[in-house]
Protein backbone atom coordinates (compact mmCIF):
# COMPACT_ATOMS: atom_id res chain seq x y z
CA ALA A 1 5.59 6.63 16.17
CA SER A 2 8.06 2.88 16.29
CA CYS A 3 8.40 0.43 18.61
CA ILE A 4 11.79 -1.10 19.43
CA GLN A 5 10.42 -4.49 21.04
CA HIS A 6 8.71 -3.69 24.30
CA ARG A 7 9.27 -0.10 23.87
CA LEU A 8 6.99 2.71 21.66
CA VAL A 9 8.78 5.83 21.16
CA VAL A 10 6.87 8.46 19.94
CA ARG A 11 8.65 11.51 17.89
CA ASP A 12 8.41 14.91 16.44
CA ALA A 13 8.00 14.66 12.60
CA SER A 14 9.66 17.78 11.48
CA SER A 15 13.21 17.46 14.39
CA LEU A 16 12.66 13.27 15.35
CA GLN A 17 13.11 15.14 18.77
CA ILE A 18 11.81 11.89 21.22
CA LEU A 19 8.92 13.22 22.62
CA GLN A 20 7.09 10.17 24.51
CA LEU A 21 8.42 6.80 25.33
CA TYR A 22 6.24 3.94 26.24
CA THR A 23 6.52 0.47 28.07
CA CYS A 24 4.34 -2.49 26.65
CA LEU A 25 4.13 -5.38 28.25
CA ASP A 26 5.71 -7.52 25.81
CA GLN A 27 7.24 -7.39 22.08
CA ILE A 28 4.95 -5.11 19.71
CA GLN A 29 3.72 -6.49 16.35
CA HIS A 30 1.35 -4.17 15.37
CA ILE A 31 0.94 -0.30 15.95
CA GLU A 32 -1.17 2.59 14.46
CA TRP A 33 -2.83 5.04 14.66
CA SER A 34 -5.93 6.66 15.22
CA SER A 35 -7.19 8.80 12.93
CA ASP A 36 -7.23 12.21 14.92
CA SER A 37 -3.57 11.31 16.08
CA LEU A 38 -4.24 11.59 19.60
CA PHE A 39 -4.10 7.72 20.30
CA ILE A 40 -1.66 5.21 19.56
CA LEU A 41 -2.45 1.01 19.48
CA CYS A 42 0.18 -1.73 20.37
CA ALA A 43 -0.87 -5.12 19.25
CA MET A 44 0.56 -7.99 21.00
CA TYR A 45 -0.46 -10.99 18.81
CA LYS A 46 1.86 -13.90 20.74
CA ARG A 47 0.27 -12.78 24.30
CA GLY A 48 -3.60 -11.87 22.79
CA VAL A 49 -2.98 -8.33 24.12
CA VAL A 50 -3.69 -4.72 22.78
CA GLN A 51 -2.12 -1.93 24.60
CA VAL A 52 -3.55 1.87 24.08
CA TRP A 53 -1.84 5.31 24.82
CA SER A 54 -3.08 8.60 24.73
CA LEU A 55 -0.69 11.63 23.73
CA GLU A 56 -2.75 14.57 25.93
CA GLN A 57 -2.81 12.52 28.89
CA PRO A 58 0.56 9.85 29.05
CA ASP A 59 -0.36 8.56 32.55
CA TRP A 60 -3.84 7.31 31.12
CA HIS A 61 -3.58 3.97 29.05
CA CYS A 62 -5.92 1.01 28.32
CA LYS A 63 -5.20 -2.78 28.14
CA ILE A 64 -7.64 -4.87 25.89
CA ASP A 65 -7.13 -8.87 26.62
CA GLU A 66 -8.30 -11.43 24.28
CA GLY A 67 -8.01 -14.10 26.88
CA SER A 68 -7.59 -17.78 25.67
CA ALA A 69 -9.62 -16.22 21.87
CA GLY A 70 -6.10 -15.02 20.67
CA LEU A 71 -5.54 -12.16 18.74
CA VAL A 72 -4.22 -12.09 14.34
CA ALA A 73 -5.00 -8.56 13.86
CA SER A 74 -6.32 -5.28 15.56
CA CYS A 75 -7.25 -2.11 13.53
CA TRP A 76 -9.58 1.39 14.55
CA SER A 77 -12.27 2.63 13.21
CA PRO A 78 -12.22 5.96 11.30
CA ASP A 79 -13.56 7.48 14.01
CA GLY A 80 -10.45 6.78 16.39
CA ARG A 81 -12.63 5.31 19.61
CA HIS A 82 -13.17 1.91 18.65
CA ILE A 83 -10.40 -0.73 17.89
CA LEU A 84 -11.76 -4.04 16.06
CA ASN A 85 -10.06 -7.46 17.63
CA THR A 86 -10.18 -10.42 15.37
CA THR A 87 -9.53 -13.06 17.39
CA GLU A 88 -7.56 -16.58 16.18
CA PHE A 89 -9.45 -18.99 13.22
CA HIS A 90 -11.85 -15.61 12.58
CA LEU A 91 -13.91 -16.25 14.74
CA ARG A 92 -15.68 -13.74 15.52
CA ILE A 93 -14.40 -9.67 15.16
CA THR A 94 -14.54 -8.06 18.90
CA VAL A 95 -15.19 -4.49 18.77
CA TRP A 96 -14.18 -2.33 21.65
CA SER A 97 -15.61 1.05 22.62
CA LEU A 98 -12.44 3.63 24.65
CA CYS A 99 -15.62 5.87 25.19
CA THR A 100 -17.93 4.14 26.82
CA LYS A 101 -16.15 0.68 27.79
CA SER A 102 -18.79 -1.48 25.54
CA VAL A 103 -18.22 -4.56 23.23
CA SER A 104 -19.67 -5.45 20.34
CA TYR A 105 -18.95 -9.28 18.11
CA ILE A 106 -19.60 -9.76 14.64
CA LYS A 107 -19.45 -13.65 13.93
CA TYR A 108 -17.84 -15.38 10.98
CA PRO A 109 -15.82 -12.90 9.64
CA LYS A 110 -13.68 -14.43 6.56
CA ALA A 111 -9.81 -15.22 6.38
CA CYS A 112 -9.05 -13.43 3.42
CA GLN A 113 -6.55 -10.58 1.79
CA GLN A 114 -8.96 -7.87 2.42
CA GLY A 115 -11.97 -8.87 4.51
CA VAL A 116 -12.61 -5.37 6.59
CA ALA A 117 -13.36 -1.88 4.52
CA PHE A 118 -14.25 1.24 5.59
CA THR A 119 -16.23 4.10 3.55
CA LYS A 120 -13.57 7.47 3.30
CA ASP A 121 -16.35 9.26 4.93
CA GLY A 122 -16.17 6.76 8.10
CA ARG A 123 -19.63 5.75 7.84
CA TYR A 124 -19.94 2.16 6.66
CA MET A 125 -17.97 -0.81 7.49
CA ALA A 126 -18.04 -3.93 5.19
CA VAL A 127 -16.82 -7.50 6.39
CA ALA A 128 -16.26 -10.41 4.17
CA GLU A 129 -18.26 -13.14 6.00
CA ARG A 130 -18.30 -17.22 5.36
CA ARG A 131 -20.89 -19.67 6.93
CA ASP A 132 -22.17 -22.89 5.72
CA CYS A 133 -20.00 -22.93 3.20
CA LYS A 134 -21.14 -19.84 0.95
CA ASP A 135 -19.30 -16.37 0.71
CA PHE A 136 -21.19 -12.98 2.30
CA ILE A 137 -21.51 -9.17 2.51
CA SER A 138 -22.33 -7.23 6.20
CA ILE A 139 -22.55 -3.99 6.31
CA PHE A 140 -22.47 -2.05 9.35
CA VAL A 141 -23.09 1.53 10.57
CA CYS A 142 -20.17 2.71 12.44
CA SER A 143 -21.61 5.42 14.78
CA ASN A 144 -23.69 2.33 16.49
CA TRP A 145 -22.53 -0.77 14.85
CA GLN A 146 -25.69 -1.89 13.95
CA LEU A 147 -26.36 -4.13 10.78
CA LEU A 148 -27.43 -2.49 7.64
CA ARG A 149 -27.57 -4.92 4.85
CA HIS A 150 -26.65 -8.52 5.05
CA PHE A 151 -26.68 -10.27 1.37
CA ASP A 152 -24.59 -13.23 -0.30
CA THR A 153 -22.09 -12.76 -3.28
CA GLU A 154 -21.71 -14.53 -6.14
CA THR A 155 -17.87 -15.55 -5.86
CA GLN A 156 -16.37 -19.32 -5.12
CA ASP A 157 -14.87 -17.93 -2.61
CA LEU A 158 -14.16 -14.50 -1.51
CA PHE A 159 -10.58 -12.50 -1.97
CA GLY A 160 -11.11 -9.15 -1.17
CA ILE A 161 -13.77 -5.70 -0.56
CA GLU A 162 -12.81 -2.39 -1.47
CA TRP A 163 -15.36 0.56 -0.97
CA ALA A 164 -15.21 3.24 -4.16
CA PRO A 165 -13.63 6.67 -2.64
CA ASN A 166 -17.41 8.12 -2.74
CA GLY A 167 -18.17 5.19 -0.39
CA CYS A 168 -21.20 4.49 -3.27
CA VAL A 169 -20.12 1.12 -4.41
CA LEU A 170 -18.33 -1.89 -3.26
CA ALA A 171 -16.29 -3.93 -5.50
CA ALA A 172 -15.54 -7.63 -4.37
CA TRP A 173 -13.66 -10.20 -6.09
CA ASP A 174 -12.58 -13.72 -6.30
CA THR A 175 -9.71 -16.04 -6.01
CA CYS A 176 -7.56 -16.01 -8.41
CA LEU A 177 -8.65 -19.14 -9.61
CA GLU A 178 -12.15 -17.56 -10.78
CA TYR A 179 -12.20 -14.31 -13.04
CA LYS A 180 -14.61 -12.57 -11.40
CA VAL A 181 -15.61 -8.65 -10.31
CA LEU A 182 -18.63 -7.62 -8.32
CA LEU A 183 -19.82 -4.15 -7.85
CA TYR A 184 -22.38 -3.70 -5.07
CA SER A 185 -24.34 -0.44 -4.19
CA LEU A 186 -24.84 0.29 -0.72
CA ASP A 187 -27.81 -1.08 -0.17
CA GLY A 188 -26.43 -4.64 -1.72
CA ARG A 189 -27.71 -4.36 -4.78
CA LEU A 190 -25.40 -6.02 -7.67
CA LEU A 191 -24.62 -3.55 -9.77
CA SER A 192 -22.71 -4.99 -12.36
CA SER A 193 -20.52 -8.04 -12.63
CA TYR A 194 -17.18 -8.31 -14.70
CA CYS A 195 -15.43 -11.08 -16.28
CA ALA A 196 -12.59 -10.94 -18.29
CA TYR A 197 -11.82 -14.71 -18.88
CA GLU A 198 -12.51 -17.53 -17.52
CA TRP A 199 -9.83 -20.41 -17.11
CA PRO A 200 -6.70 -18.61 -16.61
CA LEU A 201 -5.52 -16.96 -13.28
CA GLY A 202 -7.67 -14.18 -12.85
CA VAL A 203 -7.54 -10.74 -10.84
CA LYS A 204 -4.62 -10.22 -8.94
CA SER A 205 -4.72 -6.65 -7.64
CA ILE A 206 -7.36 -3.54 -7.70
CA ALA A 207 -7.59 -0.15 -7.37
CA TRP A 208 -10.09 2.74 -7.24
CA SER A 209 -9.07 5.77 -8.90
CA PRO A 210 -9.84 8.86 -6.03
CA SER A 211 -12.79 10.41 -8.15
CA SER A 212 -14.46 7.13 -7.97
CA GLN A 213 -14.65 7.34 -11.99
CA PHE A 214 -12.75 4.70 -12.43
CA LEU A 215 -11.72 0.62 -11.46
CA ALA A 216 -7.93 -0.49 -12.50
CA ILE A 217 -7.93 -4.81 -12.30
CA GLY A 218 -4.46 -5.93 -12.54
CA SER A 219 -4.59 -9.39 -13.74
CA PHE A 220 -2.83 -12.58 -13.91
CA ASP A 221 -2.44 -12.37 -18.05
CA GLU A 222 -0.07 -9.17 -17.50
CA LYS A 223 -2.55 -6.60 -18.07
CA VAL A 224 -5.02 -3.82 -16.28
CA ARG A 225 -8.52 -3.59 -17.21
CA ILE A 226 -10.01 -0.17 -16.22
CA LEU A 227 -14.23 -0.44 -16.06
CA ASN A 228 -15.44 3.42 -16.36
CA HIS A 229 -18.47 4.37 -13.47
CA VAL A 230 -21.33 4.70 -15.28
CA THR A 231 -22.18 1.30 -17.07
CA TRP A 232 -19.06 -0.63 -15.07
CA LYS A 233 -18.10 -1.98 -18.98
CA LYS A 234 -13.70 -2.16 -19.89
CA ILE A 235 -12.99 1.14 -21.75
CA THR A 236 -9.81 0.07 -22.18
CA GLU A 237 -6.89 -2.86 -21.78
CA LEU A 238 -3.30 -1.86 -20.81
CA ASP A 239 -0.90 -4.26 -22.05
CA HIS A 240 2.79 -4.62 -19.81
CA PRO A 241 5.53 -5.63 -23.28
CA ALA A 242 8.82 -6.95 -22.57
CA THR A 243 9.77 -4.34 -25.89
CA ILE A 244 8.54 -0.50 -25.96
CA THR A 245 8.42 0.68 -29.48
CA SER A 246 6.43 3.39 -29.35
CA LYS A 247 8.37 6.80 -29.68
CA LYS A 248 5.61 8.52 -27.19
CA THR A 249 6.74 6.81 -24.48
CA ILE A 250 9.82 8.27 -22.46
CA VAL A 251 11.89 4.88 -20.99
CA TYR A 252 14.40 6.47 -18.49
CA LYS A 253 16.99 4.37 -17.72
CA GLU A 254 19.03 3.68 -14.42
CA VAL A 255 22.94 4.15 -14.78
CA GLU A 256 25.10 3.59 -12.52
CA LYS A 257 28.46 5.23 -12.71
CA SER A 258 31.85 5.58 -10.89
CA PRO A 259 32.23 8.91 -9.04
CA THR A 260 35.20 11.02 -10.32
CA VAL A 261 37.43 12.32 -7.36
CA ASP A 262 40.07 15.16 -7.73
CA THR A 263 43.22 13.57 -7.06
CA GLU A 264 44.93 17.06 -5.82
CA ARG A 265 42.02 16.99 -3.30
CA LEU A 266 42.96 13.63 -1.63
CA SER A 267 44.55 13.31 1.80
CA PHE A 268 45.46 10.50 3.63
CA PRO A 269 43.86 9.64 5.75
CA PRO A 270 40.77 10.55 3.84
CA THR A 271 38.04 12.62 5.52
CA ARG A 272 34.66 10.54 6.29
CA ALA A 273 32.74 12.43 3.54
CA LEU A 274 35.90 11.92 1.05
CA ALA A 275 35.99 7.82 1.82
CA SER A 276 32.62 7.50 1.28
CA SER A 277 32.21 9.47 -1.73
CA LEU A 278 35.49 7.32 -3.32
CA PHE A 279 34.43 3.74 -2.68
CA SER A 280 30.47 4.37 -3.11
CA THR A 281 28.89 3.80 -6.83
CA GLN A 282 26.41 6.53 -7.99
CA SER A 283 23.32 6.21 -10.24
CA LYS A 284 21.24 8.43 -12.94
CA TYR A 285 18.50 8.61 -15.32
CA ASP A 286 19.02 8.16 -19.15
CA ILE A 287 17.08 8.70 -21.45
CA SER A 288 16.43 5.72 -23.59
CA GLN A 289 16.35 5.42 -27.38
CA VAL A 290 13.17 3.29 -28.61
CA PRO A 291 12.73 0.33 -29.39
CA VAL A 292 14.16 -0.79 -25.01
CA SER A 293 13.89 -4.22 -24.09
CA LEU A 294 13.04 -5.00 -20.98
CA GLN A 295 14.70 -7.39 -18.88
CA TYR A 296 11.89 -10.35 -18.76
CA ILE A 297 11.29 -12.68 -16.22
CA LYS A 298 9.53 -16.44 -16.85
CA PRO A 299 7.75 -17.23 -13.59
CA VAL A 300 8.33 -20.85 -12.74
CA ALA A 301 5.43 -23.07 -14.23
CA ASP A 302 5.44 -25.79 -10.80
CA ARG A 303 5.15 -23.83 -7.92
CA ALA A 304 2.68 -21.94 -5.90
CA ASN A 305 2.30 -17.64 -6.27
CA PRO A 306 4.28 -17.67 -9.39
CA LYS A 307 5.51 -14.02 -10.33
CA VAL A 308 3.55 -13.15 -13.21
CA GLY A 309 0.89 -11.02 -13.65
CA VAL A 310 0.31 -7.10 -12.28
CA GLY A 311 0.91 -7.33 -8.69
CA MET A 312 0.87 -3.03 -7.71
CA LEU A 313 -1.36 -0.41 -8.90
CA ALA A 314 -1.71 2.82 -7.94
CA PHE A 315 -3.20 6.19 -8.74
CA SER A 316 -1.96 9.58 -8.27
CA ALA A 317 -3.64 12.02 -6.01
CA ASP A 318 -5.31 14.03 -9.15
CA ASN A 319 -6.63 11.36 -11.24
CA CYS A 320 -4.17 12.06 -14.17
CA PHE A 321 -2.28 9.12 -13.42
CA LEU A 322 -1.98 5.16 -12.83
CA ALA A 323 1.15 3.40 -12.00
CA THR A 324 1.68 -0.43 -12.39
CA LYS A 325 3.81 -3.07 -11.70
CA ASN A 326 4.13 -6.29 -13.66
CA ASP A 327 6.13 -9.25 -11.90
CA ASN A 328 6.81 -10.99 -14.94
CA ILE A 329 9.00 -7.85 -15.56
CA PRO A 330 10.71 -6.85 -11.86
CA ASN A 331 12.57 -3.65 -12.32
CA ALA A 332 10.00 -1.69 -14.35
CA VAL A 333 7.31 1.01 -13.78
CA TRP A 334 4.80 1.79 -15.79
CA ILE A 335 3.26 5.12 -15.71
CA TRP A 336 0.56 5.60 -17.82
CA ASP A 337 -1.56 8.88 -18.70
CA ILE A 338 -5.26 8.63 -18.00
CA ARG A 339 -6.70 11.43 -19.34
CA ARG A 340 -5.24 10.35 -23.24
CA LEU A 341 -5.14 6.22 -21.84
CA LYS A 342 -1.90 5.68 -22.98
CA LEU A 343 1.84 4.76 -21.92
CA SER A 344 3.50 7.77 -20.67
CA VAL A 345 6.74 6.68 -19.35
CA VAL A 346 8.63 3.37 -17.82
CA LEU A 347 11.30 3.74 -14.94
CA GLU A 348 13.81 0.82 -15.91
CA GLN A 349 15.61 0.83 -12.64
CA LEU A 350 18.65 -1.86 -11.94
CA CYS A 351 16.73 -3.88 -9.02
CA THR A 352 13.72 -4.97 -8.34
CA ILE A 353 10.92 -2.73 -7.36
CA GLN A 354 9.67 -3.20 -4.29
CA ASN A 355 7.65 -0.53 -3.24
CA PHE A 356 5.93 2.87 -4.96
CA GLN A 357 3.71 5.23 -3.73
CA TRP A 358 2.23 8.66 -5.05
CA ASP A 359 2.76 11.74 -3.35
CA PRO A 360 -1.10 12.97 -1.79
CA CYS A 361 -0.64 16.38 -3.08
CA GLN A 362 0.91 16.42 -6.63
CA PRO A 363 1.64 13.87 -8.96
CA ARG A 364 4.78 13.13 -8.22
CA LEU A 365 5.81 8.74 -7.88
CA ALA A 366 8.64 7.53 -5.06
CA VAL A 367 9.61 4.26 -5.74
CA CYS A 368 12.15 2.24 -3.69
CA THR A 369 14.45 -0.88 -5.09
CA GLY A 370 15.52 -2.01 -1.67
CA SER A 371 18.89 0.20 -2.33
CA SER A 372 19.83 3.07 -0.19
CA ARG A 373 18.19 5.45 -3.12
CA VAL A 374 14.85 7.18 -3.71
CA TYR A 375 13.46 7.49 -7.33
CA LEU A 376 11.10 10.02 -7.61
CA TRP A 377 9.34 11.12 -10.96
CA SER A 378 7.14 13.99 -11.71
CA PRO A 379 5.71 14.92 -15.07
CA ALA A 380 8.63 17.34 -14.62
CA GLY A 381 11.29 14.78 -15.12
CA CYS A 382 13.35 12.04 -12.95
CA ILE A 383 15.63 12.35 -10.36
CA VAL A 384 18.01 9.70 -7.92
CA VAL A 385 18.29 10.71 -4.37
CA GLN A 386 21.24 8.89 -1.99
CA VAL A 387 20.16 8.84 1.23
CA PRO A 388 23.32 9.64 3.58
CA GLY A 389 24.32 7.47 6.13
CA GLU A 390 26.62 5.17 7.29
CA GLY A 391 26.70 1.60 6.05
CA ASP A 392 24.19 -0.79 4.14
CA PHE A 393 20.53 1.11 4.06
CA GLN A 394 18.53 -0.77 2.20
CA ILE A 395 15.52 0.81 1.76
CA THR A 396 12.38 -1.74 1.22
CA SER A 397 9.10 -0.11 1.97
CA LEU A 398 7.92 3.88 2.06
CA SER A 399 5.16 6.34 3.13
CA TRP A 400 4.60 9.75 2.27
CA HIS A 401 3.60 12.25 4.41
CA SER A 402 -0.13 13.58 4.59
CA SER A 403 1.48 16.90 3.45
CA GLY A 404 3.69 16.03 1.13
CA ASP A 405 6.34 17.48 2.65
CA SER A 406 8.20 14.50 3.54
CA MET A 407 8.18 10.89 3.53
CA LEU A 408 9.70 7.88 5.83
CA LEU A 409 12.06 5.16 4.62
CA LEU A 410 11.78 1.62 6.14
CA SER A 411 14.78 -1.35 6.22
CA LYS A 412 14.36 -3.77 8.03
CA ASP A 413 15.49 -2.78 11.10
CA HIS A 414 16.67 1.16 10.64
CA PHE A 415 14.34 4.39 9.17
CA CYS A 416 14.72 7.64 8.47
CA VAL A 417 13.12 10.59 7.47
CA CYS A 418 13.88 12.59 3.56
CA TYR A 419 11.96 15.98 3.66
CA LEU A 420 11.44 17.43 0.56
CA GLU A 421 11.16 21.44 -0.29
CA ARG A 422 8.34 22.90 -1.74
CA GLU A 423 8.83 25.53 -4.60
CA GLU A 424 7.73 29.33 -3.24
CA VAL A 425 4.31 29.99 -5.78
């Protein structure tokens, strides 16, 4: 699904043929599929309205108007039949039921980076709250929205919460001014509290491994610390130095090359395909010999949100690899072998890393850098894929299909779908 101002376009994922076209009341700011892909939500924050459309019954539609309370966020519950709307100034979260048309209210939600988290099985929801200048967490049962547990947290300014994939442990972390990661059980018991150091800026990002065995914490000191699920103690620290010295680490360096064109094939005026190959540079990967010095950027100390520390973390679906990005070295992706807890590969790009994401079915990482190329890494090696098309298609974000057969590539105002062929086993 994609939106163009006030229009919602639903396409077939394999052929991109238009299946449905819906017209909303105002310009769409956010769209989201329900978990079963039968409904799609369109949020118009400026108007304070959410419209819901049905794929099975195109004539059916739903309109939710928050009125004077306003609207700043909207999302589906895991069952795909309830919508959670957050009002302006985070006064409350309103839970709307599409089945019974009933309404529930959750007061005092906190305005933070990640204030609402659902367990993977969709049974429980955790909400970060702020009341009387203190932080709290409430856990709700999603089947009837009844409060299961309510407890205060030992945080100065709670910044985010995230469930482990098995739904047994909830991680909560403090603002970057204080290094603190807290781990709670489903019944609200504090299992462990982790603090790596005290005075410098603290936690920047966290990621659970798919098996729930590891919690990776990216910090402003350019390190990743991995906690184990048995004792919740640190098992290793992963450094991101500007110089790679280990001979066991493979460094793939992106290099640009000018295309070679056979002069005998030239025709004037040249064909469109030949003209594009004549004037566009191509890139490939070379394996660099260690030691390798990476481009290191010293952050500006007197500005807010300094470009420093590990800001992106992602585990592969098979739990074997961890990909990281250190914002001080913006052109590199670090791939760690979790089985050996060692650095396996570094991808050194020509441009700043915008986004990366693992294939949901196999250890294959897709990277984009704001250029018209997609970079794919797997244990077998690295390739550069040039996205065909006219004009300058700058890929700033990407998203894998759940099957791993295709991925969506997004630029500022365009998108395309990249299809990958699977090997026959």
